Amino acid sequence: FPQVEDFGIVAAEALACGLPVVARRDGGALDIVREGVTGAFFDTPDPRAIIDAAARCPRHADEACREGAQRFSDDRFAEAMTAIVRAALTRG
């Protein structure tokens, strides 16, 4: 995941499939990847940095990755939005 994006749906989808993510330490990846748990970061988009991050990427992290992706699920989104709307209605 060498690009810088606001969110990074590809990284979230990879986690949902149980795959750790090697990502550039920037943009939306910072909200999605947890270093050493669901992936590894690199700081410069050059081959050596990416190879080094891939070597640090956790192995057998499929459950942690799937759990991490649940933060972005439809159900989680609906629950959070409902809570926000309810809080706004009770204030007014």
Foldseek 3Di string as FASTA:
>chain_A
DEDADQACVVCLVCLLQQAADEYAPHHNVVVQHDDQQRFFYFHDPDPVRSVVRVVSTDPPNRVSSNVSSVCVDPVVVVVVVVVVVVVVVVVD
